[in-house]
N, C-alpha and C. Protein backbone atom coordinates (compact mmCIF):
# COMPACT_ATOMS: atom_id res chain seq x y z
N MET A 1 -14.13 -28.46 -21.39
CA MET A 1 -13.41 -27.55 -20.52
C MET A 1 -12.01 -28.09 -20.23
N GLN A 2 -11.92 -29.37 -19.91
CA GLN A 2 -10.63 -29.97 -19.61
C GLN A 2 -9.70 -29.89 -20.81
N ASN A 3 -10.25 -30.09 -21.99
CA ASN A 3 -9.46 -30.01 -23.21
C ASN A 3 -8.88 -28.60 -23.38
N TRP A 4 -9.70 -27.58 -23.10
CA TRP A 4 -9.23 -26.20 -23.21
C TRP A 4 -8.12 -25.95 -22.20
N LEU A 5 -8.27 -26.45 -20.97
CA LEU A 5 -7.25 -26.28 -19.95
C LEU A 5 -5.95 -26.97 -20.35
N ASP A 6 -6.06 -28.15 -20.93
CA ASP A 6 -4.86 -28.86 -21.38
C ASP A 6 -4.11 -28.08 -22.45
N GLN A 7 -4.84 -27.40 -23.31
CA GLN A 7 -4.20 -26.64 -24.39
C GLN A 7 -3.61 -25.32 -23.90
N HIS A 8 -4.14 -24.75 -22.84
CA HIS A 8 -3.74 -23.41 -22.40
C HIS A 8 -3.11 -23.37 -21.02
N HIS A 9 -2.68 -24.49 -20.50
CA HIS A 9 -2.15 -24.49 -19.13
C HIS A 9 -0.88 -23.65 -18.99
N THR A 10 -0.06 -23.57 -20.02
CA THR A 10 1.15 -22.75 -19.95
C THR A 10 0.79 -21.27 -19.83
N ALA A 11 -0.19 -20.84 -20.59
CA ALA A 11 -0.60 -19.44 -20.54
C ALA A 11 -1.20 -19.10 -19.18
N LEU A 12 -1.89 -20.06 -18.56
CA LEU A 12 -2.49 -19.80 -17.26
C LEU A 12 -1.44 -19.55 -16.19
N TRP A 13 -0.26 -20.15 -16.31
CA TRP A 13 0.83 -19.91 -15.35
C TRP A 13 1.33 -18.48 -15.42
N ILE A 14 1.07 -17.82 -16.53
CA ILE A 14 1.46 -16.41 -16.67
C ILE A 14 0.28 -15.50 -16.33
N ILE A 15 -0.90 -15.86 -16.79
CA ILE A 15 -2.07 -15.00 -16.62
C ILE A 15 -2.49 -14.89 -15.15
N ILE A 16 -2.54 -15.98 -14.44
CA ILE A 16 -3.03 -15.96 -13.05
C ILE A 16 -2.15 -15.11 -12.14
N PRO A 17 -0.82 -15.25 -12.15
CA PRO A 17 -0.01 -14.35 -11.30
C PRO A 17 -0.13 -12.88 -11.71
N CYS A 18 -0.23 -12.61 -13.01
CA CYS A 18 -0.40 -11.22 -13.46
C CYS A 18 -1.73 -10.65 -12.98
N TYR A 19 -2.77 -11.46 -13.04
CA TYR A 19 -4.08 -11.05 -12.55
C TYR A 19 -4.02 -10.78 -11.04
N ALA A 20 -3.39 -11.66 -10.29
CA ALA A 20 -3.29 -11.48 -8.84
C ALA A 20 -2.51 -10.21 -8.50
N LEU A 21 -1.41 -9.95 -9.21
CA LEU A 21 -0.63 -8.74 -8.98
C LEU A 21 -1.44 -7.49 -9.31
N ALA A 22 -2.15 -7.51 -10.44
CA ALA A 22 -2.97 -6.37 -10.83
C ALA A 22 -4.07 -6.12 -9.80
N LEU A 23 -4.67 -7.17 -9.29
CA LEU A 23 -5.71 -7.02 -8.28
C LEU A 23 -5.13 -6.45 -6.98
N TRP A 24 -3.95 -6.94 -6.58
CA TRP A 24 -3.27 -6.43 -5.38
C TRP A 24 -3.00 -4.93 -5.50
N LEU A 25 -2.47 -4.50 -6.64
CA LEU A 25 -2.16 -3.09 -6.86
C LEU A 25 -3.43 -2.24 -6.92
N LEU A 26 -4.48 -2.76 -7.55
CA LEU A 26 -5.74 -2.04 -7.63
C LEU A 26 -6.34 -1.83 -6.24
N VAL A 27 -6.37 -2.87 -5.44
CA VAL A 27 -6.93 -2.75 -4.08
C VAL A 27 -6.11 -1.76 -3.26
N SER A 28 -4.80 -1.80 -3.37
CA SER A 28 -3.95 -0.87 -2.63
C SER A 28 -4.23 0.57 -3.06
N ALA A 29 -4.37 0.81 -4.36
CA ALA A 29 -4.65 2.15 -4.86
C ALA A 29 -6.02 2.64 -4.40
N VAL A 30 -7.02 1.78 -4.44
CA VAL A 30 -8.37 2.17 -4.03
C VAL A 30 -8.41 2.50 -2.53
N ILE A 31 -7.75 1.69 -1.72
CA ILE A 31 -7.71 1.97 -0.27
C ILE A 31 -7.00 3.29 0.00
N SER A 32 -5.92 3.55 -0.72
CA SER A 32 -5.20 4.81 -0.55
C SER A 32 -6.09 6.00 -0.90
N TYR A 33 -6.85 5.87 -1.96
CA TYR A 33 -7.72 6.97 -2.38
C TYR A 33 -8.91 7.14 -1.44
N ILE A 34 -9.60 6.06 -1.13
CA ILE A 34 -10.78 6.14 -0.28
C ILE A 34 -10.43 6.59 1.13
N GLY A 35 -9.33 6.09 1.65
CA GLY A 35 -8.94 6.44 3.02
C GLY A 35 -8.39 7.83 3.19
N GLY A 36 -8.01 8.48 2.10
CA GLY A 36 -7.48 9.83 2.17
C GLY A 36 -5.97 9.91 2.22
N TRP A 37 -5.30 8.77 2.14
CA TRP A 37 -3.84 8.77 2.18
C TRP A 37 -3.27 9.57 1.00
N THR A 38 -3.85 9.39 -0.17
CA THR A 38 -3.38 10.10 -1.37
C THR A 38 -3.49 11.61 -1.18
N THR A 39 -4.59 12.07 -0.64
CA THR A 39 -4.79 13.50 -0.42
C THR A 39 -3.79 14.06 0.58
N LEU A 40 -3.57 13.35 1.68
CA LEU A 40 -2.59 13.80 2.67
C LEU A 40 -1.17 13.79 2.10
N ALA A 41 -0.84 12.77 1.35
CA ALA A 41 0.51 12.67 0.80
C ALA A 41 0.78 13.76 -0.23
N LYS A 42 -0.22 14.19 -0.97
CA LYS A 42 -0.03 15.29 -1.92
C LYS A 42 0.32 16.58 -1.20
N ARG A 43 -0.32 16.78 -0.08
CA ARG A 43 -0.10 18.03 0.65
C ARG A 43 1.12 17.99 1.57
N PHE A 44 1.37 16.86 2.20
CA PHE A 44 2.41 16.77 3.22
C PHE A 44 3.52 15.78 2.88
N ARG A 45 3.72 15.46 1.62
CA ARG A 45 4.70 14.45 1.23
C ARG A 45 6.09 14.79 1.74
N LEU A 46 6.79 13.76 2.20
CA LEU A 46 8.13 13.92 2.76
C LEU A 46 9.12 14.20 1.63
N ARG A 47 9.84 15.29 1.73
CA ARG A 47 10.79 15.69 0.67
C ARG A 47 12.25 15.43 1.05
N VAL A 48 12.50 15.31 2.34
CA VAL A 48 13.86 15.07 2.83
C VAL A 48 13.85 13.81 3.68
N PRO A 49 14.99 13.19 3.89
CA PRO A 49 15.03 12.00 4.75
C PRO A 49 14.55 12.33 6.16
N PHE A 50 13.77 11.44 6.73
CA PHE A 50 13.25 11.64 8.09
C PHE A 50 14.34 11.33 9.10
N VAL A 51 14.51 12.21 10.05
CA VAL A 51 15.45 12.01 11.15
C VAL A 51 14.65 12.07 12.45
N GLY A 52 14.63 10.97 13.14
CA GLY A 52 13.89 10.91 14.39
C GLY A 52 13.56 9.47 14.74
N GLU A 53 12.90 9.30 15.86
CA GLU A 53 12.54 7.96 16.31
C GLU A 53 11.34 7.45 15.52
N ARG A 54 11.39 6.15 15.19
CA ARG A 54 10.30 5.50 14.44
C ARG A 54 9.84 4.26 15.18
N TRP A 55 8.56 3.97 15.03
CA TRP A 55 7.97 2.76 15.59
C TRP A 55 7.30 1.99 14.46
N THR A 56 7.72 0.76 14.26
CA THR A 56 7.17 -0.05 13.17
C THR A 56 6.06 -0.98 13.69
N GLY A 57 5.30 -1.51 12.75
CA GLY A 57 4.25 -2.46 13.09
C GLY A 57 3.09 -1.84 13.84
N ARG A 58 2.80 -0.59 13.58
CA ARG A 58 1.70 0.09 14.25
C ARG A 58 0.43 0.01 13.42
N SER A 59 -0.69 0.20 14.08
CA SER A 59 -2.00 0.18 13.42
C SER A 59 -2.58 1.58 13.38
N GLY A 60 -3.46 1.81 12.42
CA GLY A 60 -4.12 3.10 12.31
C GLY A 60 -5.40 2.97 11.53
N GLN A 61 -6.20 4.00 11.58
CA GLN A 61 -7.48 4.03 10.88
C GLN A 61 -7.60 5.37 10.18
N MET A 62 -7.87 5.33 8.89
CA MET A 62 -8.16 6.54 8.14
C MET A 62 -9.67 6.60 8.00
N ARG A 63 -10.16 7.41 7.08
CA ARG A 63 -11.61 7.53 6.96
C ARG A 63 -12.23 6.30 6.31
N TRP A 64 -13.50 6.11 6.55
CA TRP A 64 -14.33 5.03 6.02
C TRP A 64 -13.75 3.66 6.32
N ILE A 65 -13.40 2.89 5.29
CA ILE A 65 -12.99 1.50 5.50
C ILE A 65 -11.49 1.29 5.52
N ALA A 66 -10.72 2.34 5.47
CA ALA A 66 -9.27 2.21 5.34
C ALA A 66 -8.62 1.98 6.71
N GLY A 67 -8.51 0.72 7.09
CA GLY A 67 -7.84 0.37 8.32
C GLY A 67 -6.46 -0.20 8.01
N TYR A 68 -5.48 0.22 8.76
CA TYR A 68 -4.11 -0.21 8.54
C TYR A 68 -3.65 -0.97 9.79
N GLY A 69 -3.78 -2.28 9.76
CA GLY A 69 -3.45 -3.10 10.91
C GLY A 69 -2.01 -3.59 10.88
N ASN A 70 -1.21 -3.15 11.82
CA ASN A 70 0.18 -3.60 12.00
C ASN A 70 1.05 -3.42 10.77
N CYS A 71 0.78 -2.42 9.93
CA CYS A 71 1.58 -2.24 8.72
C CYS A 71 2.11 -0.81 8.58
N LEU A 72 1.97 0.00 9.61
CA LEU A 72 2.44 1.38 9.55
C LEU A 72 3.77 1.54 10.29
N THR A 73 4.57 2.46 9.79
CA THR A 73 5.72 2.96 10.53
C THR A 73 5.39 4.39 10.89
N VAL A 74 5.43 4.68 12.17
CA VAL A 74 5.06 6.00 12.68
C VAL A 74 6.29 6.60 13.32
N GLY A 75 6.50 7.87 13.08
CA GLY A 75 7.62 8.57 13.69
C GLY A 75 7.25 10.00 13.99
N CYS A 76 8.06 10.63 14.80
CA CYS A 76 7.84 12.05 15.07
C CYS A 76 9.17 12.70 15.39
N ASN A 77 9.25 13.98 15.11
CA ASN A 77 10.38 14.82 15.45
C ASN A 77 9.85 16.25 15.58
N PRO A 78 10.68 17.22 15.91
CA PRO A 78 10.17 18.59 16.07
C PRO A 78 9.52 19.17 14.81
N HIS A 79 9.79 18.58 13.64
CA HIS A 79 9.23 19.10 12.39
C HIS A 79 7.86 18.52 12.07
N GLY A 80 7.50 17.42 12.70
CA GLY A 80 6.17 16.87 12.43
C GLY A 80 6.09 15.37 12.59
N LEU A 81 5.03 14.82 12.01
CA LEU A 81 4.70 13.41 12.08
C LEU A 81 5.16 12.70 10.82
N TYR A 82 5.61 11.46 10.96
CA TYR A 82 6.07 10.65 9.84
C TYR A 82 5.17 9.42 9.76
N LEU A 83 4.63 9.12 8.58
CA LEU A 83 3.85 7.93 8.35
C LEU A 83 4.34 7.24 7.08
N ALA A 84 4.52 5.94 7.17
CA ALA A 84 4.93 5.16 6.01
C ALA A 84 4.33 3.76 6.11
N MET A 85 4.11 3.14 4.97
CA MET A 85 3.57 1.78 4.91
C MET A 85 4.70 0.77 4.76
N MET A 86 4.42 -0.47 5.13
CA MET A 86 5.36 -1.56 4.86
C MET A 86 5.54 -1.67 3.34
N PRO A 87 6.72 -2.07 2.87
CA PRO A 87 6.96 -2.13 1.42
C PRO A 87 5.94 -2.98 0.65
N LEU A 88 5.45 -4.05 1.22
CA LEU A 88 4.51 -4.91 0.52
C LEU A 88 3.21 -4.19 0.19
N PHE A 89 2.84 -3.20 1.00
CA PHE A 89 1.58 -2.48 0.82
C PHE A 89 1.79 -1.03 0.36
N ARG A 90 2.96 -0.66 -0.05
CA ARG A 90 3.31 0.74 -0.28
C ARG A 90 2.78 1.34 -1.58
N PHE A 91 2.29 0.56 -2.51
CA PHE A 91 1.83 1.11 -3.78
C PHE A 91 0.75 2.17 -3.54
N ARG A 92 0.96 3.37 -4.04
CA ARG A 92 0.08 4.54 -3.90
C ARG A 92 -0.03 5.04 -2.46
N HIS A 93 0.89 4.61 -1.60
CA HIS A 93 0.93 5.09 -0.21
C HIS A 93 2.29 5.76 0.01
N HIS A 94 2.44 6.97 -0.47
CA HIS A 94 3.69 7.70 -0.34
C HIS A 94 3.91 8.13 1.10
N ARG A 95 5.17 8.23 1.49
CA ARG A 95 5.49 8.64 2.86
C ARG A 95 5.19 10.11 3.06
N PHE A 96 4.72 10.42 4.24
CA PHE A 96 4.56 11.83 4.62
C PHE A 96 4.75 11.97 6.11
């Protein structure tokens, strides 16, 4: 095993970060789908820039296991509600 690691250690420096990134994106996409964020964003996706007061670092709960702790930006104006994720978690979480 050690011999194999010695021969492939350079490749592991590329494979492990790629695997971690792919896993991060997969988990984000699954949470978006299971929690219903994807469904809401398809119907209510923001098409114009939001104008109004926003509060960052808020928490929320969608259906089943999709909890969003301190990573939401919430806003409101006379046209409706604004929800957005922090950039680090934004994959498959479109603003609406």
